[in-house]
Amino acid sequence: SAGEAHCLSYTGCNFLRQRLVLATLSGRPVKIRKIRAKEEDPGLRDFEASFIRLIDKVTNGSKIEINQTGTSLYYQPGLLYGGSLEHDCSPSRGIGYYLESLLCLAPFMKHPLKIVLRGVTNDQVDPSVDILKATALPLLKKFGIDGESLEIKINRRGMPPKGGGEVLFSCPVRKVLQPVQFTDPGKIKRIRGTAYSVRVSPQMANRMVESARGILNKFLPDIYIYTDHMKGASSGKSPGFGMCLTAETINGTILSAELASNPQGQGAAVLPEELGQNCAKLLLEEVYR
């Protein structure tokens, strides 16, 4: 049947991850052309090449062809294999960029997936590992993917530009998902969060917590924001701080917001008080929507 299944053809670099993930799940080959063909620096970026290598690692027998300029990609998916793996992610995007796609693929592996990802855990572009841990895992549980082996563990934090973070993601195999009916979000009952700081004063985290609470306490008494200050080898290679907030409703819906400080040597310095306030406002905006 593989010979009969005609190859899907796309142009451009948009939705690269989604196209590769869906191709892998459905077993259909994909051809993507004209990837940034008209730009000065054409072709795949380093983080996309790293993502393609990751897909190659979790599958068995995938066939990947990229032309010399990197503007055209042919991908014939193999079988989702899984097992114990390691992958060094490109520091130009967060580990969340890779983890989002792994969350889609992990339940359908042949062997339970246990993978160590290295790179940037928290940045300003991709969902951080904290947010995925707080929001994506409860969502997977609704579909019947649970057990002790479903976890995201942050061994080391890494901030841009140099990264140096390390995350362990493990997921059990579930060939069949439970259907989910989930329409009423419900009222907010509590807010949880993490304020983290690496290679800066531990006081930064406390200052963020105080300013965020100053806003959120007007609406709700049940607020707990953990401070997470990592030292030594587990603090990665670049300084930075940030905050992740999640609001949980009575029906178990989880809404999230997060902010991170500017990478070292880029943009203006951010005050922890401002960052805490803005993160709280982002969460309120999310609830309002």
C-alpha atoms as a PDB file:
ATOM      1  CA  SER A   1       0.000   0.000   0.000  1.00  0.00           C
ATOM      2  CA  ALA A   2       2.987   2.311   0.515  1.00  0.00           C
ATOM      3  CA  GLY A   3       3.528   2.456  -3.238  1.00  0.00           C
ATOM      4  CA  GLU A   4      -0.093   3.470  -3.801  1.00  0.00           C
ATOM      5  CA  ALA A   5      -0.151   6.165  -1.122  1.00  0.00           C
ATOM      6  CA  HIS A   6       0.667   9.264  -3.132  1.00  0.00           C
ATOM      7  CA  CYS A   7       3.080  11.800  -1.701  1.00  0.00           C
ATOM      8  CA  LEU A   8       1.591  14.962  -0.179  1.00  0.00           C
ATOM      9  CA  SER A   9       3.170  18.134  -1.509  1.00  0.00           C
ATOM     10  CA  TYR A  10       3.520  21.475   0.310  1.00  0.00           C
ATOM     11  CA  THR A  11       5.387  24.742  -0.185  1.00  0.00           C
ATOM     12  CA  GLY A  12       6.982  27.044   2.366  1.00  0.00           C
ATOM     13  CA  CYS A  13       8.346  26.678   5.887  1.00  0.00           C
ATOM     14  CA  ASN A  14       5.073  27.202   7.779  1.00  0.00           C
ATOM     15  CA  PHE A  15       3.682  24.321   9.880  1.00  0.00           C
ATOM     16  CA  LEU A  16       6.802  22.226   9.290  1.00  0.00           C
ATOM     17  CA  ARG A  17       6.438  20.402  12.613  1.00  0.00           C
ATOM     18  CA  GLN A  18       2.725  19.725  12.182  1.00  0.00           C
ATOM     19  CA  ARG A  19       3.251  18.379   8.667  1.00  0.00           C
ATOM     20  CA  LEU A  20       6.006  16.015   9.768  1.00  0.00           C
ATOM     21  CA  VAL A  21       4.095  14.863  12.872  1.00  0.00           C
ATOM     22  CA  LEU A  22       0.894  14.154  10.924  1.00  0.00           C
ATOM     23  CA  ALA A  23       2.857  12.442   8.163  1.00  0.00           C
ATOM     24  CA  THR A  24       4.468  10.213  10.793  1.00  0.00           C
ATOM     25  CA  LEU A  25       1.148   9.341  12.448  1.00  0.00           C
ATOM     26  CA  SER A  26      -0.630   8.645   9.159  1.00  0.00           C
ATOM     27  CA  GLY A  27       2.375   6.986   7.474  1.00  0.00           C
ATOM     28  CA  ARG A  28       2.181   9.147   4.350  1.00  0.00           C
ATOM     29  CA  PRO A  29       5.269  10.571   2.629  1.00  0.00           C
ATOM     30  CA  VAL A  30       5.580  14.357   2.384  1.00  0.00           C
ATOM     31  CA  LYS A  31       7.451  16.651   0.035  1.00  0.00           C
ATOM     32  CA  ILE A  32       7.972  20.265   1.127  1.00  0.00           C
ATOM     33  CA  ARG A  33       9.396  22.678  -1.456  1.00  0.00           C
ATOM     34  CA  LYS A  34      10.456  26.336  -1.604  1.00  0.00           C
ATOM     35  CA  ILE A  35      11.500  26.529   2.058  1.00  0.00           C
ATOM     36  CA  ARG A  36      12.449  30.220   2.458  1.00  0.00           C
ATOM     37  CA  ALA A  37      13.504  30.122  -1.227  1.00  0.00           C
ATOM     38  CA  LYS A  38      13.415  33.903  -1.718  1.00  0.00           C
ATOM     39  CA  GLU A  39      15.282  34.905   1.432  1.00  0.00           C
ATOM     40  CA  GLU A  40      18.940  35.936   1.555  1.00  0.00           C
ATOM     41  CA  ASP A  41      19.661  32.897   3.729  1.00  0.00           C
ATOM     42  CA  PRO A  42      17.466  30.230   2.088  1.00  0.00           C
ATOM     43  CA  GLY A  43      16.533  26.770   3.307  1.00  0.00           C
ATOM     44  CA  LEU A  44      15.987  25.048   6.639  1.00  0.00           C
ATOM     45  CA  ARG A  45      17.142  26.739   9.839  1.00  0.00           C
ATOM     46  CA  ASP A  46      19.337  24.916  12.350  1.00  0.00           C
ATOM     47  CA  PHE A  47      16.423  24.341  14.756  1.00  0.00           C
ATOM     48  CA  GLU A  48      14.350  22.755  11.966  1.00  0.00           C
ATOM     49  CA  ALA A  49      17.236  20.498  10.960  1.00  0.00           C
ATOM     50  CA  SER A  50      17.551  19.508  14.625  1.00  0.00           C
ATOM     51  CA  PHE A  51      13.810  18.733  14.710  1.00  0.00           C
ATOM     52  CA  ILE A  52      14.137  16.517  11.626  1.00  0.00           C
ATOM     53  CA  ARG A  53      17.001  14.626  13.303  1.00  0.00           C
ATOM     54  CA  LEU A  54      14.804  14.148  16.379  1.00  0.00           C
ATOM     55  CA  ILE A  55      11.981  12.692  14.263  1.00  0.00           C
ATOM     56  CA  ASP A  56      14.557  10.384  12.679  1.00  0.00           C
ATOM     57  CA  LYS A  57      15.646   9.219  16.160  1.00  0.00           C
ATOM     58  CA  VAL A  58      12.170   8.301  17.457  1.00  0.00           C
ATOM     59  CA  THR A  59      11.233   6.441  14.246  1.00  0.00           C
ATOM     60  CA  ASN A  60      12.752   3.390  12.623  1.00  0.00           C
ATOM     61  CA  GLY A  61      13.306   3.278   8.860  1.00  0.00           C
ATOM     62  CA  SER A  62      12.420   6.862   7.991  1.00  0.00           C
ATOM     63  CA  LYS A  63      13.770   8.155   4.711  1.00  0.00           C
ATOM     64  CA  ILE A  64      14.758  11.819   4.661  1.00  0.00           C
ATOM     65  CA  GLU A  65      16.154  13.675   1.663  1.00  0.00           C
ATOM     66  CA  ILE A  66      17.159  17.340   1.727  1.00  0.00           C
ATOM     67  CA  ASN A  67      18.593  19.144  -1.294  1.00  0.00           C
ATOM     68  CA  GLN A  68      21.907  21.047  -1.141  1.00  0.00           C
ATOM     69  CA  THR A  69      20.421  24.474  -0.454  1.00  0.00           C
ATOM     70  CA  GLY A  70      18.003  23.048   2.129  1.00  0.00           C
ATOM     71  CA  THR A  71      14.993  24.512   0.325  1.00  0.00           C
ATOM     72  CA  SER A  72      13.359  21.164  -0.430  1.00  0.00           C
ATOM     73  CA  LEU A  73      12.634  18.271   1.921  1.00  0.00           C
ATOM     74  CA  TYR A  74      11.294  14.771   1.216  1.00  0.00           C
ATOM     75  CA  TYR A  75      10.202  12.695   4.200  1.00  0.00           C
ATOM     76  CA  GLN A  76       8.971   9.125   4.070  1.00  0.00           C
ATOM     77  CA  PRO A  77       7.985   8.154   7.620  1.00  0.00           C
ATOM     78  CA  GLY A  78       9.128   4.925   9.223  1.00  0.00           C
ATOM     79  CA  LEU A  79       7.592   3.192  12.230  1.00  0.00           C
ATOM     80  CA  LEU A  80       7.364   4.995  15.577  1.00  0.00           C
ATOM     81  CA  TYR A  81       9.866   3.062  17.660  1.00  0.00           C
ATOM     82  CA  GLY A  82      10.595   4.970  20.883  1.00  0.00           C
ATOM     83  CA  GLY A  83      12.891   3.564  23.577  1.00  0.00           C
ATOM     84  CA  SER A  84      15.563   5.409  25.575  1.00  0.00           C
ATOM     85  CA  LEU A  85      17.016   8.340  23.631  1.00  0.00           C
ATOM     86  CA  GLU A  86      18.971  11.572  23.962  1.00  0.00           C
ATOM     87  CA  HIS A  87      18.814  14.675  21.784  1.00  0.00           C
ATOM     88  CA  ASP A  88      20.665  17.995  21.763  1.00  0.00           C
ATOM     89  CA  CYS A  89      18.174  20.668  20.699  1.00  0.00           C
ATOM     90  CA  SER A  90      19.249  23.798  18.853  1.00  0.00           C
ATOM     91  CA  PRO A  91      19.670  26.697  21.346  1.00  0.00           C
ATOM     92  CA  SER A  92      17.918  29.123  18.956  1.00  0.00           C
ATOM     93  CA  ARG A  93      14.539  27.650  20.002  1.00  0.00           C
ATOM     94  CA  GLY A  94      13.303  26.311  23.333  1.00  0.00           C
ATOM     95  CA  ILE A  95      12.988  22.637  24.217  1.00  0.00           C
ATOM     96  CA  GLY A  96       9.216  23.275  24.156  1.00  0.00           C
ATOM     97  CA  TYR A  97       9.416  23.520  20.361  1.00  0.00           C
ATOM     98  CA  TYR A  98      10.531  19.867  20.229  1.00  0.00           C
ATOM     99  CA  LEU A  99       8.496  18.661  23.194  1.00  0.00           C
ATOM    100  CA  GLU A 100       5.154  19.825  21.737  1.00  0.00           C
ATOM    101  CA  SER A 101       5.569  17.443  18.809  1.00  0.00           C
ATOM    102  CA  LEU A 102       6.877  14.595  20.965  1.00  0.00           C
ATOM    103  CA  LEU A 103       3.717  14.873  23.097  1.00  0.00           C
ATOM    104  CA  CYS A 104       1.674  14.108  19.949  1.00  0.00           C
ATOM    105  CA  LEU A 105       3.804  11.129  18.922  1.00  0.00           C
ATOM    106  CA  ALA A 106       4.819   9.542  22.242  1.00  0.00           C
ATOM    107  CA  PRO A 107       1.631   7.529  23.038  1.00  0.00           C
ATOM    108  CA  PHE A 108       1.828   5.660  19.709  1.00  0.00           C
ATOM    109  CA  MET A 109       5.392   4.333  19.936  1.00  0.00           C
ATOM    110  CA  LYS A 110       6.279   0.655  19.838  1.00  0.00           C
ATOM    111  CA  HIS A 111       8.299   0.955  23.064  1.00  0.00           C
ATOM    112  CA  PRO A 112       7.633   3.491  25.854  1.00  0.00           C
ATOM    113  CA  LEU A 113       9.535   6.693  25.103  1.00  0.00           C
ATOM    114  CA  LYS A 114      12.129   7.948  27.575  1.00  0.00           C
ATOM    115  CA  ILE A 115      14.094  10.843  26.144  1.00  0.00           C
ATOM    116  CA  VAL A 116      16.571  13.381  27.508  1.00  0.00           C
ATOM    117  CA  LEU A 117      16.444  16.741  25.688  1.00  0.00           C
ATOM    118  CA  ARG A 118      19.212  19.315  26.139  1.00  0.00           C
ATOM    119  CA  GLY A 119      19.019  23.006  25.277  1.00  0.00           C
ATOM    120  CA  VAL A 120      16.992  26.068  26.321  1.00  0.00           C
ATOM    121  CA  THR A 121      14.222  25.267  28.834  1.00  0.00           C
ATOM    122  CA  ASN A 122      12.715  28.770  29.110  1.00  0.00           C
ATOM    123  CA  ASP A 123      12.731  31.491  26.456  1.00  0.00           C
ATOM    124  CA  GLN A 124      10.458  34.177  25.031  1.00  0.00           C
ATOM    125  CA  VAL A 125       9.443  32.315  21.878  1.00  0.00           C
ATOM    126  CA  ASP A 126       8.268  28.792  22.668  1.00  0.00           C
ATOM    127  CA  PRO A 127       6.121  27.411  25.478  1.00  0.00           C
ATOM    128  CA  SER A 128       8.461  26.629  28.346  1.00  0.00           C
ATOM    129  CA  VAL A 129       8.923  23.172  29.799  1.00  0.00           C
ATOM    130  CA  ASP A 130       7.172  24.360  33.001  1.00  0.00           C
ATOM    131  CA  ILE A 131       4.044  25.350  31.085  1.00  0.00           C
ATOM    132  CA  LEU A 132       3.918  22.091  29.109  1.00  0.00           C
ATOM    133  CA  LYS A 133       4.320  20.152  32.358  1.00  0.00           C
ATOM    134  CA  ALA A 134       1.462  22.090  33.971  1.00  0.00           C
ATOM    135  CA  THR A 135      -0.956  22.137  31.018  1.00  0.00           C
ATOM    136  CA  ALA A 136      -0.183  19.394  28.487  1.00  0.00           C
ATOM    137  CA  LEU A 137       0.181  16.488  30.934  1.00  0.00           C
ATOM    138  CA  PRO A 138      -3.272  16.972  32.571  1.00  0.00           C
ATOM    139  CA  LEU A 139      -4.723  17.213  29.053  1.00  0.00           C
ATOM    140  CA  LEU A 140      -3.107  13.916  28.037  1.00  0.00           C
ATOM    141  CA  LYS A 141      -4.553  12.300  31.174  1.00  0.00           C
ATOM    142  CA  LYS A 142      -8.057  13.189  30.004  1.00  0.00           C
ATOM    143  CA  PHE A 143      -7.399  11.067  26.908  1.00  0.00           C
ATOM    144  CA  GLY A 144      -6.424   8.118  29.091  1.00  0.00           C
ATOM    145  CA  ILE A 145      -2.652   8.539  28.870  1.00  0.00           C
ATOM    146  CA  ASP A 146      -1.471   8.335  32.462  1.00  0.00           C
ATOM    147  CA  GLY A 147       0.537   6.317  34.941  1.00  0.00           C
ATOM    148  CA  GLU A 148       3.770   6.876  36.794  1.00  0.00           C
ATOM    149  CA  SER A 149       5.779   6.750  33.596  1.00  0.00           C
ATOM    150  CA  LEU A 150       4.146   9.922  32.210  1.00  0.00           C
ATOM    151  CA  GLU A 151       6.368  12.760  33.358  1.00  0.00           C
ATOM    152  CA  ILE A 152       8.347  15.829  32.385  1.00  0.00           C
ATOM    153  CA  LYS A 153      11.258  16.451  34.716  1.00  0.00           C
ATOM    154  CA  ILE A 154      13.545  19.475  34.630  1.00  0.00           C
ATOM    155  CA  ASN A 155      17.044  18.333  35.643  1.00  0.00           C
ATOM    156  CA  ARG A 156      18.700  21.601  34.663  1.00  0.00           C
ATOM    157  CA  ARG A 157      17.404  24.969  33.569  1.00  0.00           C
ATOM    158  CA  GLY A 158      18.924  26.660  30.540  1.00  0.00           C
ATOM    159  CA  MET A 159      18.245  30.237  29.472  1.00  0.00           C
ATOM    160  CA  PRO A 160      19.078  31.688  26.038  1.00  0.00           C
ATOM    161  CA  PRO A 161      21.397  32.418  24.318  1.00  0.00           C
ATOM    162  CA  LYS A 162      23.622  29.501  25.429  1.00  0.00           C
ATOM    163  CA  GLY A 163      21.104  27.094  26.953  1.00  0.00           C
ATOM    164  CA  GLY A 164      22.587  24.238  28.915  1.00  0.00           C
ATOM    165  CA  GLY A 165      19.252  22.958  30.255  1.00  0.00           C
ATOM    166  CA  GLU A 166      18.264  19.308  30.487  1.00  0.00           C
ATOM    167  CA  VAL A 167      14.774  17.790  30.519  1.00  0.00           C
ATOM    168  CA  LEU A 168      13.611  14.203  30.872  1.00  0.00           C
ATOM    169  CA  PHE A 169      10.343  13.273  29.145  1.00  0.00           C
ATOM    170  CA  SER A 170       8.847   9.822  29.493  1.00  0.00           C
ATOM    171  CA  CYS A 171       5.489   8.550  28.262  1.00  0.00           C
ATOM    172  CA  PRO A 172       3.755   5.148  28.307  1.00  0.00           C
ATOM    173  CA  VAL A 173       2.367   3.540  25.143  1.00  0.00           C
ATOM    174  CA  ARG A 174      -1.395   3.844  24.525  1.00  0.00           C
ATOM    175  CA  LYS A 175      -2.627   2.600  21.161  1.00  0.00           C
ATOM    176  CA  VAL A 176      -6.211   3.766  21.776  1.00  0.00           C
ATOM    177  CA  LEU A 177      -7.271   7.123  23.183  1.00  0.00           C
ATOM    178  CA  GLN A 178     -10.477   7.736  25.138  1.00  0.00           C
ATOM    179  CA  PRO A 179     -12.832  10.201  23.469  1.00  0.00           C
ATOM    180  CA  VAL A 180     -13.159  13.462  25.355  1.00  0.00           C
ATOM    181  CA  GLN A 181     -16.113  15.804  25.663  1.00  0.00           C
ATOM    182  CA  PHE A 182     -14.938  19.009  27.167  1.00  0.00           C
ATOM    183  CA  THR A 183     -17.016  22.121  26.552  1.00  0.00           C
ATOM    184  CA  ASP A 184     -17.601  23.942  29.861  1.00  0.00           C
ATOM    185  CA  PRO A 185     -14.389  25.532  31.181  1.00  0.00           C
ATOM    186  CA  GLY A 186     -15.824  26.407  34.608  1.00  0.00           C
ATOM    187  CA  LYS A 187     -14.821  29.073  37.137  1.00  0.00           C
ATOM    188  CA  ILE A 188     -11.246  29.626  38.348  1.00  0.00           C
ATOM    189  CA  LYS A 189     -10.604  28.106  41.784  1.00  0.00           C
ATOM    190  CA  ARG A 190      -6.864  28.443  42.321  1.00  0.00           C
ATOM    191  CA  ILE A 191      -3.651  29.807  40.852  1.00  0.00           C
ATOM    192  CA  ARG A 192      -0.282  28.084  40.987  1.00  0.00           C
ATOM    193  CA  GLY A 193       3.025  29.129  39.539  1.00  0.00           C
ATOM    194  CA  THR A 194       6.782  29.005  39.496  1.00  0.00           C
ATOM    195  CA  ALA A 195       9.196  31.924  39.643  1.00  0.00           C
ATOM    196  CA  TYR A 196      12.635  30.754  38.584  1.00  0.00           C
ATOM    197  CA  SER A 197      16.033  32.409  38.571  1.00  0.00           C
ATOM    198  CA  VAL A 198      19.356  31.084  37.288  1.00  0.00           C
ATOM    199  CA  ARG A 199      22.771  32.721  37.642  1.00  0.00           C
ATOM    200  CA  VAL A 200      21.198  35.838  39.207  1.00  0.00           C
ATOM    201  CA  SER A 201      20.369  36.721  42.823  1.00  0.00           C
ATOM    202  CA  PRO A 202      17.792  34.340  44.403  1.00  0.00           C
ATOM    203  CA  GLN A 203      16.006  37.521  45.568  1.00  0.00           C
ATOM    204  CA  MET A 204      14.794  38.039  41.958  1.00  0.00           C
ATOM    205  CA  ALA A 205      12.303  35.183  42.279  1.00  0.00           C
ATOM    206  CA  ASN A 206      10.842  36.575  45.530  1.00  0.00           C
ATOM    207  CA  ARG A 207      10.445  40.023  43.971  1.00  0.00           C
ATOM    208  CA  MET A 208       8.522  38.543  41.012  1.00  0.00           C
ATOM    209  CA  VAL A 209       6.246  36.552  43.338  1.00  0.00           C
ATOM    210  CA  GLU A 210       5.424  39.612  45.453  1.00  0.00           C
ATOM    211  CA  SER A 211       4.472  41.817  42.510  1.00  0.00           C
ATOM    212  CA  ALA A 212       2.364  39.088  40.852  1.00  0.00           C
ATOM    213  CA  ARG A 213       0.520  38.376  44.104  1.00  0.00           C
ATOM    214  CA  GLY A 214      -0.140  42.106  44.482  1.00  0.00           C
ATOM    215  CA  ILE A 215      -2.395  41.889  41.411  1.00  0.00           C
ATOM    216  CA  LEU A 216      -3.859  38.383  41.724  1.00  0.00           C
ATOM    217  CA  ASN A 217      -4.773  38.561  45.442  1.00  0.00           C
ATOM    218  CA  LYS A 218      -7.516  41.077  44.593  1.00  0.00           C
ATOM    219  CA  PHE A 219      -9.435  38.274  42.853  1.00  0.00           C
ATOM    220  CA  LEU A 220      -8.593  35.053  44.672  1.00  0.00           C
ATOM    221  CA  PRO A 221      -7.100  33.960  48.001  1.00  0.00           C
ATOM    222  CA  ASP A 222      -5.809  30.529  46.914  1.00  0.00           C
ATOM    223  CA  ILE A 223      -2.524  31.476  45.250  1.00  0.00           C
ATOM    224  CA  TYR A 224       0.760  29.678  45.632  1.00  0.00           C
ATOM    225  CA  ILE A 225       3.823  30.559  43.584  1.00  0.00           C
ATOM    226  CA  TYR A 226       6.917  28.416  44.117  1.00  0.00           C
ATOM    227  CA  THR A 227      10.368  29.927  43.861  1.00  0.00           C
ATOM    228  CA  ASP A 228      12.937  27.841  42.054  1.00  0.00           C
ATOM    229  CA  HIS A 229      16.537  28.978  42.244  1.00  0.00           C
ATOM    230  CA  MET A 230      18.994  26.607  40.611  1.00  0.00           C
ATOM    231  CA  LYS A 231      22.689  26.679  41.469  1.00  0.00           C
ATOM    232  CA  GLY A 232      25.927  25.373  40.024  1.00  0.00           C
ATOM    233  CA  ALA A 233      25.807  22.898  37.152  1.00  0.00           C
ATOM    234  CA  SER A 234      22.002  22.736  37.121  1.00  0.00           C
ATOM    235  CA  SER A 235      21.680  26.445  36.292  1.00  0.00           C
ATOM    236  CA  GLY A 236      22.768  26.170  32.659  1.00  0.00           C
ATOM    237  CA  LYS A 237      25.134  28.544  30.880  1.00  0.00           C
ATOM    238  CA  SER A 238      23.317  31.901  30.742  1.00  0.00           C
ATOM    239  CA  PRO A 239      21.752  34.133  33.427  1.00  0.00           C
ATOM    240  CA  GLY A 240      18.047  34.913  33.455  1.00  0.00           C
ATOM    241  CA  PHE A 241      14.769  34.728  35.345  1.00  0.00           C
ATOM    242  CA  GLY A 242      11.096  34.349  34.589  1.00  0.00           C
ATOM    243  CA  MET A 243       7.702  33.235  35.728  1.00  0.00           C
ATOM    244  CA  CYS A 244       5.027  30.710  34.782  1.00  0.00           C
ATOM    245  CA  LEU A 245       1.487  30.997  36.133  1.00  0.00           C
ATOM    246  CA  THR A 246      -1.405  28.545  35.775  1.00  0.00           C
ATOM    247  CA  ALA A 247      -5.036  29.010  36.760  1.00  0.00           C
ATOM    248  CA  GLU A 248      -7.098  25.885  37.435  1.00  0.00           C
ATOM    249  CA  THR A 249     -10.887  25.821  37.188  1.00  0.00           C
ATOM    250  CA  ILE A 250     -13.414  23.700  39.069  1.00  0.00           C
ATOM    251  CA  ASN A 251     -13.700  21.436  35.995  1.00  0.00           C
ATOM    252  CA  GLY A 252      -9.957  20.881  35.760  1.00  0.00           C
ATOM    253  CA  THR A 253      -9.289  23.235  32.843  1.00  0.00           C
ATOM    254  CA  ILE A 254      -5.870  24.830  33.093  1.00  0.00           C
ATOM    255  CA  LEU A 255      -5.068  28.264  31.668  1.00  0.00           C
ATOM    256  CA  SER A 256      -1.499  29.464  31.584  1.00  0.00           C
ATOM    257  CA  ALA A 257       0.694  32.517  31.070  1.00  0.00           C
ATOM    258  CA  GLU A 258       4.444  33.014  31.219  1.00  0.00           C
ATOM    259  CA  LEU A 259       7.191  35.564  30.750  1.00  0.00           C
ATOM    260  CA  ALA A 260      10.981  35.346  30.667  1.00  0.00           C
ATOM    261  CA  SER A 261      13.663  38.034  30.984  1.00  0.00           C
ATOM    262  CA  ASN A 262      15.505  39.225  27.872  1.00  0.00           C
ATOM    263  CA  PRO A 263      18.487  37.038  26.905  1.00  0.00           C
ATOM    264  CA  GLN A 264      21.881  38.266  28.074  1.00  0.00           C
ATOM    265  CA  GLY A 265      23.143  41.056  25.827  1.00  0.00           C
ATOM    266  CA  GLN A 266      19.810  41.521  24.003  1.00  0.00           C
ATOM    267  CA  GLY A 267      17.295  44.291  24.646  1.00  0.00           C
ATOM    268  CA  ALA A 268      16.853  46.348  27.814  1.00  0.00           C
ATOM    269  CA  ALA A 269      17.151  44.868  31.288  1.00  0.00           C
ATOM    270  CA  VAL A 270      13.791  43.890  32.790  1.00  0.00           C
ATOM    271  CA  LEU A 271      12.889  44.554  36.415  1.00  0.00           C
ATOM    272  CA  PRO A 272      11.596  41.450  38.223  1.00  0.00           C
ATOM    273  CA  GLU A 273       8.698  43.538  39.658  1.00  0.00           C
ATOM    274  CA  GLU A 274       7.568  44.518  36.162  1.00  0.00           C
ATOM    275  CA  LEU A 275       7.909  40.978  34.872  1.00  0.00           C
ATOM    276  CA  GLY A 276       5.802  39.621  37.759  1.00  0.00           C
ATOM    277  CA  GLN A 277       3.072  42.219  37.191  1.00  0.00           C
ATOM    278  CA  ASN A 278       2.988  41.687  33.435  1.00  0.00           C
ATOM    279  CA  CYS A 279       2.811  37.906  33.848  1.00  0.00           C
ATOM    280  CA  ALA A 280      -0.155  38.263  36.240  1.00  0.00           C
ATOM    281  CA  LYS A 281      -1.871  40.561  33.725  1.00  0.00           C
ATOM    282  CA  LEU A 282      -1.258  38.052  30.936  1.00  0.00           C
ATOM    283  CA  LEU A 283      -2.944  35.356  33.023  1.00  0.00           C
ATOM    284  CA  LEU A 284      -5.939  37.611  33.676  1.00  0.00           C
ATOM    285  CA  GLU A 285      -6.117  38.336  29.945  1.00  0.00           C
ATOM    286  CA  GLU A 286      -6.161  34.577  29.293  1.00  0.00           C
ATOM    287  CA  VAL A 287      -8.997  34.073  31.819  1.00  0.00           C
ATOM    288  CA  TYR A 288     -10.903  36.997  30.289  1.00  0.00           C
ATOM    289  CA  ARG A 289     -10.734  35.437  26.826  1.00  0.00           C
END
